[in-house]
Amino acid sequence: MKEIESNKHSWSQISEDHYYAFKARFKEGTQFFNYYIKRELGDITGKDIIHLQCNTGADTILLAQMGAEHVTGVDLVPENIYYAKKLASDLNVTNVDFFESDIMTLSQKYNKKHDMVFTSEGALVWLPDMEVWAKTVRSLLNDTGYLYVFDSHPFFLMLDEEKLDKQIYDIKYPYFKKTPDFDTTIGGYASERKGGVESYCWMFTVSDIINSLIRAGMRIDFFNEFTENFYDVGNMKKSDKEGLLIYEYNRDKYPMSFSLKASVNA
């Protein structure tokens, strides 16, 4: 798929920057899960986890450091996998491994079962098909396994991000749009934005997520919505909840992020 190949190239342009940024955060003690992820994950001691769309492995390593027996990171970009392995080696974290794969084709070549599938913070918009994603998640889980997701809320993703700090709620990205949005830049949260690329992302709806998981044989345990965001859209303030940001006016107006837990419906 040409869009995924373009995204693969785009993300490779910032892999090295991400490696150095996350390595510095680990050294400074500023790399951690946000308040909601930490609270909702709970005790993961002894679990075998697979982390989808792991980037350069920072969150994969955090899961390993939290007591998981073993964590496997998967990412589309070979450069990300190279730097994920390097980061784990630098930090002397040995209960992790990483491999390259497009999530849309992962189930065709990987058959190991895990206790948990983990994905978070900006992952879902890079997937063109929620049905394939959900079936892949189910194929990765054992009969007592579950999925945990923390990501951007699609209601927030509809809005023009450049106007939110002014409390202007214009729809820039239609909620039900199925064709991808196109950008010529990549990065911005752990590196400078870089141009000269072609990147594509897809809108998803709440029903896309929930119904695809149900059809794949999963049971929804919870779907929580939050007014905080995990990256600065523009002029946001630090929340009193660690690792999150908020607009002061948005204590009760609209969701910016969500979390979901879905268990195997065995």
C-alpha atoms as a PDB file:
ATOM      1  CA  MET A   1       0.000   0.000   0.000  1.00  0.00           C
ATOM      2  CA  LYS A   2       1.646   3.224  -1.177  1.00  0.00           C
ATOM      3  CA  GLU A   3       0.457   5.269   1.818  1.00  0.00           C
ATOM      4  CA  ILE A   4       2.000   2.853   4.295  1.00  0.00           C
ATOM      5  CA  GLU A   5       5.259   2.748   2.330  1.00  0.00           C
ATOM      6  CA  SER A   6       5.312   6.548   2.359  1.00  0.00           C
ATOM      7  CA  ASN A   7       4.712   6.569   6.118  1.00  0.00           C
ATOM      8  CA  LYS A   8       7.501   4.045   6.566  1.00  0.00           C
ATOM      9  CA  HIS A   9       9.928   6.384   4.836  1.00  0.00           C
ATOM     10  CA  SER A  10       8.573   9.453   6.653  1.00  0.00           C
ATOM     11  CA  TRP A  11       9.013   8.012  10.136  1.00  0.00           C
ATOM     12  CA  SER A  12      12.506   6.769   9.286  1.00  0.00           C
ATOM     13  CA  GLN A  13      13.573  10.399   8.940  1.00  0.00           C
ATOM     14  CA  ILE A  14      13.110  11.041  12.665  1.00  0.00           C
ATOM     15  CA  SER A  15      14.116   7.661  14.154  1.00  0.00           C
ATOM     16  CA  GLU A  16      17.554   8.818  15.244  1.00  0.00           C
ATOM     17  CA  ASP A  17      16.162  12.031  16.744  1.00  0.00           C
ATOM     18  CA  HIS A  18      13.624  10.022  18.724  1.00  0.00           C
ATOM     19  CA  TYR A  19      16.331   7.698  20.009  1.00  0.00           C
ATOM     20  CA  TYR A  20      18.373  10.589  21.411  1.00  0.00           C
ATOM     21  CA  ALA A  21      15.299  12.364  22.790  1.00  0.00           C
ATOM     22  CA  PHE A  22      13.983   9.312  24.627  1.00  0.00           C
ATOM     23  CA  LYS A  23      17.452   8.321  25.857  1.00  0.00           C
ATOM     24  CA  ALA A  24      17.810  11.785  27.387  1.00  0.00           C
ATOM     25  CA  ARG A  25      14.379  11.489  29.023  1.00  0.00           C
ATOM     26  CA  PHE A  26      15.285   8.163  30.608  1.00  0.00           C
ATOM     27  CA  LYS A  27      18.536   9.681  31.895  1.00  0.00           C
ATOM     28  CA  GLU A  28      16.666  12.679  33.326  1.00  0.00           C
ATOM     29  CA  GLY A  29      13.877  10.522  34.792  1.00  0.00           C
ATOM     30  CA  THR A  30      11.236  12.263  32.680  1.00  0.00           C
ATOM     31  CA  GLN A  31      10.169   9.300  30.566  1.00  0.00           C
ATOM     32  CA  PHE A  32       7.078   7.818  32.195  1.00  0.00           C
ATOM     33  CA  PHE A  33       3.502   6.788  31.471  1.00  0.00           C
ATOM     34  CA  ASN A  34       0.860   9.425  31.991  1.00  0.00           C
ATOM     35  CA  TYR A  35      -1.463   9.364  34.976  1.00  0.00           C
ATOM     36  CA  TYR A  36      -4.294   7.466  33.313  1.00  0.00           C
ATOM     37  CA  ILE A  37      -2.137   4.797  31.674  1.00  0.00           C
ATOM     38  CA  LYS A  38      -0.280   4.149  34.912  1.00  0.00           C
ATOM     39  CA  ARG A  39      -3.505   3.948  36.936  1.00  0.00           C
ATOM     40  CA  GLU A  40      -5.382   1.748  34.480  1.00  0.00           C
ATOM     41  CA  LEU A  41      -2.546  -0.669  33.677  1.00  0.00           C
ATOM     42  CA  GLY A  42      -2.121  -1.517  37.340  1.00  0.00           C
ATOM     43  CA  ASP A  43       0.174  -4.383  38.240  1.00  0.00           C
ATOM     44  CA  ILE A  44       1.591  -6.041  35.114  1.00  0.00           C
ATOM     45  CA  THR A  45       4.133  -8.163  36.939  1.00  0.00           C
ATOM     46  CA  GLY A  46       4.859 -11.411  35.117  1.00  0.00           C
ATOM     47  CA  LYS A  47       2.839 -10.601  31.997  1.00  0.00           C
ATOM     48  CA  ASP A  48       3.946 -11.324  28.442  1.00  0.00           C
ATOM     49  CA  ILE A  49       3.088  -8.169  26.477  1.00  0.00           C
ATOM     50  CA  ILE A  50       3.238  -7.160  22.838  1.00  0.00           C
ATOM     51  CA  HIS A  51       3.460  -3.431  22.092  1.00  0.00           C
ATOM     52  CA  LEU A  52       2.142  -2.471  18.661  1.00  0.00           C
ATOM     53  CA  GLN A  53       3.533   0.569  16.828  1.00  0.00           C
ATOM     54  CA  CYS A  54       6.335   0.859  19.358  1.00  0.00           C
ATOM     55  CA  ASN A  55       8.322   3.615  17.611  1.00  0.00           C
ATOM     56  CA  THR A  56      11.876   3.567  19.026  1.00  0.00           C
ATOM     57  CA  GLY A  57      10.874   1.467  22.001  1.00  0.00           C
ATOM     58  CA  ALA A  58      10.583   3.914  24.905  1.00  0.00           C
ATOM     59  CA  ASP A  59       7.165   2.710  26.121  1.00  0.00           C
ATOM     60  CA  THR A  60       8.134  -0.901  25.433  1.00  0.00           C
ATOM     61  CA  ILE A  61      11.052  -0.431  27.815  1.00  0.00           C
ATOM     62  CA  LEU A  62       8.802   1.240  30.407  1.00  0.00           C
ATOM     63  CA  LEU A  63       6.507  -1.796  30.367  1.00  0.00           C
ATOM     64  CA  ALA A  64       9.519  -4.056  30.874  1.00  0.00           C
ATOM     65  CA  GLN A  65      10.721  -1.918  33.777  1.00  0.00           C
ATOM     66  CA  MET A  66       7.283  -2.116  35.405  1.00  0.00           C
ATOM     67  CA  GLY A  67       7.733  -5.850  35.971  1.00  0.00           C
ATOM     68  CA  ALA A  68       6.459  -7.513  32.810  1.00  0.00           C
ATOM     69  CA  GLU A  69       8.078 -10.878  32.256  1.00  0.00           C
ATOM     70  CA  HIS A  70       8.744 -10.022  28.621  1.00  0.00           C
ATOM     71  CA  VAL A  71       7.708  -7.283  26.184  1.00  0.00           C
ATOM     72  CA  THR A  72       7.844  -7.485  22.398  1.00  0.00           C
ATOM     73  CA  GLY A  73       7.844  -4.246  20.424  1.00  0.00           C
ATOM     74  CA  VAL A  74       6.620  -4.148  16.819  1.00  0.00           C
ATOM     75  CA  ASP A  75       6.980  -1.259  14.406  1.00  0.00           C
ATOM     76  CA  LEU A  76       6.679  -0.596  10.684  1.00  0.00           C
ATOM     77  CA  VAL A  77       9.997   1.221  10.392  1.00  0.00           C
ATOM     78  CA  PRO A  78      13.305  -0.724  10.349  1.00  0.00           C
ATOM     79  CA  GLU A  79      15.198   2.323  11.640  1.00  0.00           C
ATOM     80  CA  ASN A  80      12.839   2.476  14.619  1.00  0.00           C
ATOM     81  CA  ILE A  81      13.579  -1.161  15.412  1.00  0.00           C
ATOM     82  CA  TYR A  82      17.330  -0.559  15.138  1.00  0.00           C
ATOM     83  CA  TYR A  83      17.171   2.337  17.592  1.00  0.00           C
ATOM     84  CA  ALA A  84      14.733   0.530  19.903  1.00  0.00           C
ATOM     85  CA  LYS A  85      17.235  -2.301  20.285  1.00  0.00           C
ATOM     86  CA  LYS A  86      20.013   0.228  20.834  1.00  0.00           C
ATOM     87  CA  LEU A  87      18.001   2.073  23.480  1.00  0.00           C
ATOM     88  CA  ALA A  88      17.222  -1.157  25.351  1.00  0.00           C
ATOM     89  CA  SER A  89      20.917  -2.093  25.255  1.00  0.00           C
ATOM     90  CA  ASP A  90      21.948   1.362  26.477  1.00  0.00           C
ATOM     91  CA  LEU A  91      19.559   1.050  29.421  1.00  0.00           C
ATOM     92  CA  ASN A  92      20.516  -2.578  30.101  1.00  0.00           C
ATOM     93  CA  VAL A  93      16.920  -3.756  29.713  1.00  0.00           C
ATOM     94  CA  THR A  94      17.021  -7.402  28.677  1.00  0.00           C
ATOM     95  CA  ASN A  95      13.398  -8.575  28.930  1.00  0.00           C
ATOM     96  CA  VAL A  96      12.448  -6.961  25.615  1.00  0.00           C
ATOM     97  CA  ASP A  97      12.790  -7.763  21.941  1.00  0.00           C
ATOM     98  CA  PHE A  98      11.775  -5.896  18.802  1.00  0.00           C
ATOM     99  CA  PHE A  99      10.917  -6.723  15.218  1.00  0.00           C
ATOM    100  CA  GLU A 100       9.705  -4.920  12.117  1.00  0.00           C
ATOM    101  CA  SER A 101       6.226  -5.444  10.692  1.00  0.00           C
ATOM    102  CA  ASP A 102       3.310  -3.612   9.148  1.00  0.00           C
ATOM    103  CA  ILE A 103       0.433  -4.153  11.608  1.00  0.00           C
ATOM    104  CA  MET A 104      -1.894  -4.718   8.643  1.00  0.00           C
ATOM    105  CA  THR A 105       0.033  -7.898   7.700  1.00  0.00           C
ATOM    106  CA  LEU A 106       1.359  -8.982  11.110  1.00  0.00           C
ATOM    107  CA  SER A 107      -1.119 -11.820  11.657  1.00  0.00           C
ATOM    108  CA  GLN A 108      -0.007 -13.475   8.410  1.00  0.00           C
ATOM    109  CA  LYS A 109       3.510 -14.120   9.712  1.00  0.00           C
ATOM    110  CA  TYR A 110       3.374 -14.121  13.514  1.00  0.00           C
ATOM    111  CA  ASN A 111       1.487 -16.625  15.659  1.00  0.00           C
ATOM    112  CA  LYS A 112       2.753 -16.202  19.219  1.00  0.00           C
ATOM    113  CA  LYS A 113       0.111 -15.491  21.887  1.00  0.00           C
ATOM    114  CA  HIS A 114       0.447 -12.887  24.627  1.00  0.00           C
ATOM    115  CA  ASP A 115      -1.244 -11.828  27.866  1.00  0.00           C
ATOM    116  CA  MET A 116      -1.701  -8.244  26.729  1.00  0.00           C
ATOM    117  CA  VAL A 117      -1.604  -6.090  23.612  1.00  0.00           C
ATOM    118  CA  PHE A 118      -0.591  -2.503  24.361  1.00  0.00           C
ATOM    119  CA  THR A 119      -0.869   0.554  22.113  1.00  0.00           C
ATOM    120  CA  SER A 120      -0.840   4.216  23.014  1.00  0.00           C
ATOM    121  CA  GLU A 121      -0.565   7.905  22.247  1.00  0.00           C
ATOM    122  CA  GLY A 122      -0.961   8.627  18.576  1.00  0.00           C
ATOM    123  CA  ALA A 123      -0.924   5.131  17.135  1.00  0.00           C
ATOM    124  CA  LEU A 124      -4.378   4.518  15.682  1.00  0.00           C
ATOM    125  CA  VAL A 125      -4.429   7.339  13.107  1.00  0.00           C
ATOM    126  CA  TRP A 126      -1.682   5.538  11.160  1.00  0.00           C
ATOM    127  CA  LEU A 127      -3.860   2.470  10.558  1.00  0.00           C
ATOM    128  CA  PRO A 128      -6.013   2.341   7.407  1.00  0.00           C
ATOM    129  CA  ASP A 129      -8.359  -0.436   8.543  1.00  0.00           C
ATOM    130  CA  MET A 130      -9.757  -0.904  12.076  1.00  0.00           C
ATOM    131  CA  GLU A 131     -11.262  -4.288  11.155  1.00  0.00           C
ATOM    132  CA  VAL A 132      -7.856  -5.701  10.225  1.00  0.00           C
ATOM    133  CA  TRP A 133      -6.317  -4.123  13.321  1.00  0.00           C
ATOM    134  CA  ALA A 134      -8.934  -5.657  15.629  1.00  0.00           C
ATOM    135  CA  LYS A 135      -8.576  -9.131  14.105  1.00  0.00           C
ATOM    136  CA  THR A 136      -4.810  -8.813  14.480  1.00  0.00           C
ATOM    137  CA  VAL A 137      -5.171  -7.836  18.142  1.00  0.00           C
ATOM    138  CA  ARG A 138      -7.340 -10.906  18.776  1.00  0.00           C
ATOM    139  CA  SER A 139      -4.858 -13.177  16.995  1.00  0.00           C
ATOM    140  CA  LEU A 140      -2.085 -11.974  19.319  1.00  0.00           C
ATOM    141  CA  LEU A 141      -3.911 -12.776  22.567  1.00  0.00           C
ATOM    142  CA  ASN A 142      -4.253 -15.960  24.551  1.00  0.00           C
ATOM    143  CA  ASP A 143      -7.673 -16.954  25.857  1.00  0.00           C
ATOM    144  CA  THR A 144      -7.322 -14.839  29.019  1.00  0.00           C
ATOM    145  CA  GLY A 145      -5.597 -11.918  27.304  1.00  0.00           C
ATOM    146  CA  TYR A 146      -6.668  -8.326  26.850  1.00  0.00           C
ATOM    147  CA  LEU A 147      -5.986  -5.152  24.890  1.00  0.00           C
ATOM    148  CA  TYR A 148      -5.187  -1.765  26.432  1.00  0.00           C
ATOM    149  CA  VAL A 149      -5.313   1.435  24.352  1.00  0.00           C
ATOM    150  CA  PHE A 150      -4.731   5.080  25.260  1.00  0.00           C
ATOM    151  CA  ASP A 151      -5.023   7.470  22.334  1.00  0.00           C
ATOM    152  CA  SER A 152      -6.490  10.653  20.890  1.00  0.00           C
ATOM    153  CA  HIS A 153     -10.266  10.903  21.006  1.00  0.00           C
ATOM    154  CA  PRO A 154     -11.797  11.092  17.511  1.00  0.00           C
ATOM    155  CA  PHE A 155     -14.059  13.954  18.619  1.00  0.00           C
ATOM    156  CA  PHE A 156     -10.942  16.043  19.286  1.00  0.00           C
ATOM    157  CA  LEU A 157      -9.328  14.831  16.058  1.00  0.00           C
ATOM    158  CA  MET A 158     -12.193  16.377  14.054  1.00  0.00           C
ATOM    159  CA  LEU A 159     -11.385  19.896  15.201  1.00  0.00           C
ATOM    160  CA  ASP A 160      -9.044  22.512  13.757  1.00  0.00           C
ATOM    161  CA  GLU A 161      -6.149  22.256  16.192  1.00  0.00           C
ATOM    162  CA  GLU A 162      -4.900  25.764  15.388  1.00  0.00           C
ATOM    163  CA  LYS A 163      -8.093  27.337  16.765  1.00  0.00           C
ATOM    164  CA  LEU A 164      -8.717  25.349  19.940  1.00  0.00           C
ATOM    165  CA  ASP A 165      -6.803  27.683  22.237  1.00  0.00           C
ATOM    166  CA  LYS A 166      -9.222  30.431  21.120  1.00  0.00           C
ATOM    167  CA  GLN A 167     -12.227  28.209  21.919  1.00  0.00           C
ATOM    168  CA  ILE A 168     -13.174  27.988  18.253  1.00  0.00           C
ATOM    169  CA  TYR A 169     -14.516  24.563  17.356  1.00  0.00           C
ATOM    170  CA  ASP A 170     -14.364  24.301  13.581  1.00  0.00           C
ATOM    171  CA  ILE A 171     -14.513  20.852  12.021  1.00  0.00           C
ATOM    172  CA  LYS A 172     -11.383  20.488   9.903  1.00  0.00           C
ATOM    173  CA  TYR A 173     -11.241  16.688   9.614  1.00  0.00           C
ATOM    174  CA  PRO A 174     -14.686  15.147   8.963  1.00  0.00           C
ATOM    175  CA  TYR A 175     -15.596  12.469  11.499  1.00  0.00           C
ATOM    176  CA  PHE A 176     -16.808   9.923   8.950  1.00  0.00           C
ATOM    177  CA  LYS A 177     -14.118  10.540   6.344  1.00  0.00           C
ATOM    178  CA  LYS A 178     -12.469   7.332   5.142  1.00  0.00           C
ATOM    179  CA  THR A 179      -9.826   8.664   2.763  1.00  0.00           C
ATOM    180  CA  PRO A 180      -6.494   9.581   4.362  1.00  0.00           C
ATOM    181  CA  ASP A 181      -5.292  13.068   5.160  1.00  0.00           C
ATOM    182  CA  PHE A 182      -1.974  14.041   3.621  1.00  0.00           C
ATOM    183  CA  ASP A 183       0.940  15.979   5.088  1.00  0.00           C
ATOM    184  CA  THR A 184       4.409  16.921   3.875  1.00  0.00           C
ATOM    185  CA  THR A 185       5.933  17.026   7.368  1.00  0.00           C
ATOM    186  CA  ILE A 186       6.536  14.496  10.145  1.00  0.00           C
ATOM    187  CA  GLY A 187       7.510  14.662  13.812  1.00  0.00           C
ATOM    188  CA  GLY A 188       7.122  17.405  16.366  1.00  0.00           C
ATOM    189  CA  TYR A 189       6.779  15.702  19.754  1.00  0.00           C
ATOM    190  CA  ALA A 190      10.248  14.144  20.226  1.00  0.00           C
ATOM    191  CA  SER A 191      12.025  15.865  17.351  1.00  0.00           C
ATOM    192  CA  GLU A 192      11.818  18.942  15.197  1.00  0.00           C
ATOM    193  CA  ARG A 193       9.239  18.664  12.439  1.00  0.00           C
ATOM    194  CA  LYS A 194      10.867  17.628   9.176  1.00  0.00           C
ATOM    195  CA  GLY A 195       9.605  18.359   5.693  1.00  0.00           C
ATOM    196  CA  GLY A 196      10.123  16.806   2.308  1.00  0.00           C
ATOM    197  CA  VAL A 197       8.081  13.707   3.121  1.00  0.00           C
ATOM    198  CA  GLU A 198       4.656  12.324   2.296  1.00  0.00           C
ATOM    199  CA  SER A 199       2.711  11.082   5.306  1.00  0.00           C
ATOM    200  CA  TYR A 200      -0.844   9.810   5.528  1.00  0.00           C
ATOM    201  CA  CYS A 201      -3.186   9.314   8.461  1.00  0.00           C
ATOM    202  CA  TRP A 202      -6.750   8.064   8.744  1.00  0.00           C
ATOM    203  CA  MET A 203      -9.738   9.208  10.774  1.00  0.00           C
ATOM    204  CA  PHE A 204     -11.513   6.644  12.955  1.00  0.00           C
ATOM    205  CA  THR A 205     -14.773   6.830  14.878  1.00  0.00           C
ATOM    206  CA  VAL A 206     -15.648   5.512  18.318  1.00  0.00           C
ATOM    207  CA  SER A 207     -17.891   2.931  16.687  1.00  0.00           C
ATOM    208  CA  ASP A 208     -15.058   1.860  14.350  1.00  0.00           C
ATOM    209  CA  ILE A 209     -12.941   0.945  17.368  1.00  0.00           C
ATOM    210  CA  ILE A 210     -15.605  -0.691  19.515  1.00  0.00           C
ATOM    211  CA  ASN A 211     -17.507  -2.575  16.810  1.00  0.00           C
ATOM    212  CA  SER A 212     -14.380  -3.911  15.106  1.00  0.00           C
ATOM    213  CA  LEU A 213     -13.161  -5.337  18.425  1.00  0.00           C
ATOM    214  CA  ILE A 214     -16.549  -6.898  19.184  1.00  0.00           C
ATOM    215  CA  ARG A 215     -16.671  -8.479  15.721  1.00  0.00           C
ATOM    216  CA  ALA A 216     -13.173  -9.838  16.277  1.00  0.00           C
ATOM    217  CA  GLY A 217     -14.339 -11.697  19.393  1.00  0.00           C
ATOM    218  CA  MET A 218     -13.455  -9.179  22.094  1.00  0.00           C
ATOM    219  CA  ARG A 219     -15.486  -7.893  25.060  1.00  0.00           C
ATOM    220  CA  ILE A 220     -15.280  -4.182  25.914  1.00  0.00           C
ATOM    221  CA  ASP A 221     -14.402  -3.852  29.619  1.00  0.00           C
ATOM    222  CA  PHE A 222     -14.270  -0.060  29.654  1.00  0.00           C
ATOM    223  CA  PHE A 223     -14.124   2.989  27.395  1.00  0.00           C
ATOM    224  CA  ASN A 224     -13.064   6.116  29.304  1.00  0.00           C
ATOM    225  CA  GLU A 225     -12.929   9.684  27.989  1.00  0.00           C
ATOM    226  CA  PHE A 226     -10.696  12.499  29.252  1.00  0.00           C
ATOM    227  CA  THR A 227     -10.439  16.255  28.734  1.00  0.00           C
ATOM    228  CA  GLU A 228      -6.631  16.121  28.976  1.00  0.00           C
ATOM    229  CA  ASN A 229      -4.283  15.555  26.048  1.00  0.00           C
ATOM    230  CA  PHE A 230      -0.870  13.886  25.869  1.00  0.00           C
ATOM    231  CA  TYR A 231       0.732  16.478  23.585  1.00  0.00           C
ATOM    232  CA  ASP A 232       0.489  20.260  23.284  1.00  0.00           C
ATOM    233  CA  VAL A 233      -1.946  21.282  20.570  1.00  0.00           C
ATOM    234  CA  GLY A 234      -1.044  24.915  21.237  1.00  0.00           C
ATOM    235  CA  ASN A 235      -0.866  27.012  24.406  1.00  0.00           C
ATOM    236  CA  MET A 236      -1.991  24.188  26.678  1.00  0.00           C
ATOM    237  CA  LYS A 237      -1.113  24.102  30.377  1.00  0.00           C
ATOM    238  CA  LYS A 238       0.267  21.247  32.423  1.00  0.00           C
ATOM    239  CA  SER A 239      -2.494  19.246  34.047  1.00  0.00           C
ATOM    240  CA  ASP A 240      -2.387  18.270  37.707  1.00  0.00           C
ATOM    241  CA  LYS A 241      -2.375  14.727  36.323  1.00  0.00           C
ATOM    242  CA  GLU A 242       1.185  13.714  35.513  1.00  0.00           C
ATOM    243  CA  GLY A 243       2.205  13.606  31.862  1.00  0.00           C
ATOM    244  CA  LEU A 244      -0.897  15.355  30.527  1.00  0.00           C
ATOM    245  CA  LEU A 245      -1.920  18.831  29.355  1.00  0.00           C
ATOM    246  CA  ILE A 246      -5.208  20.691  29.441  1.00  0.00           C
ATOM    247  CA  TYR A 247      -6.974  23.853  28.361  1.00  0.00           C
ATOM    248  CA  GLU A 248      -8.274  25.591  31.480  1.00  0.00           C
ATOM    249  CA  TYR A 249     -11.565  26.296  29.717  1.00  0.00           C
ATOM    250  CA  ASN A 250     -11.990  22.615  28.893  1.00  0.00           C
ATOM    251  CA  ARG A 251     -12.597  21.071  32.292  1.00  0.00           C
ATOM    252  CA  ASP A 252     -15.973  19.774  31.088  1.00  0.00           C
ATOM    253  CA  LYS A 253     -16.479  20.628  27.392  1.00  0.00           C
ATOM    254  CA  TYR A 254     -15.073  17.948  25.083  1.00  0.00           C
ATOM    255  CA  PRO A 255     -12.838  14.852  25.193  1.00  0.00           C
ATOM    256  CA  MET A 256      -9.279  14.978  23.897  1.00  0.00           C
ATOM    257  CA  SER A 257      -8.181  11.437  24.736  1.00  0.00           C
ATOM    258  CA  PHE A 258      -9.655   8.077  25.620  1.00  0.00           C
ATOM    259  CA  SER A 259      -8.666   4.729  27.065  1.00  0.00           C
ATOM    260  CA  LEU A 260     -10.067   1.322  26.321  1.00  0.00           C
ATOM    261  CA  LYS A 261      -9.678  -2.164  27.710  1.00  0.00           C
ATOM    262  CA  ALA A 262     -11.042  -5.142  25.769  1.00  0.00           C
ATOM    263  CA  SER A 263     -10.743  -8.779  26.823  1.00  0.00           C
ATOM    264  CA  VAL A 264     -10.930 -11.960  24.832  1.00  0.00           C
ATOM    265  CA  ASN A 265     -14.531 -13.146  24.795  1.00  0.00           C
ATOM    266  CA  ALA A 266     -13.601 -16.803  25.270  1.00  0.00           C
END
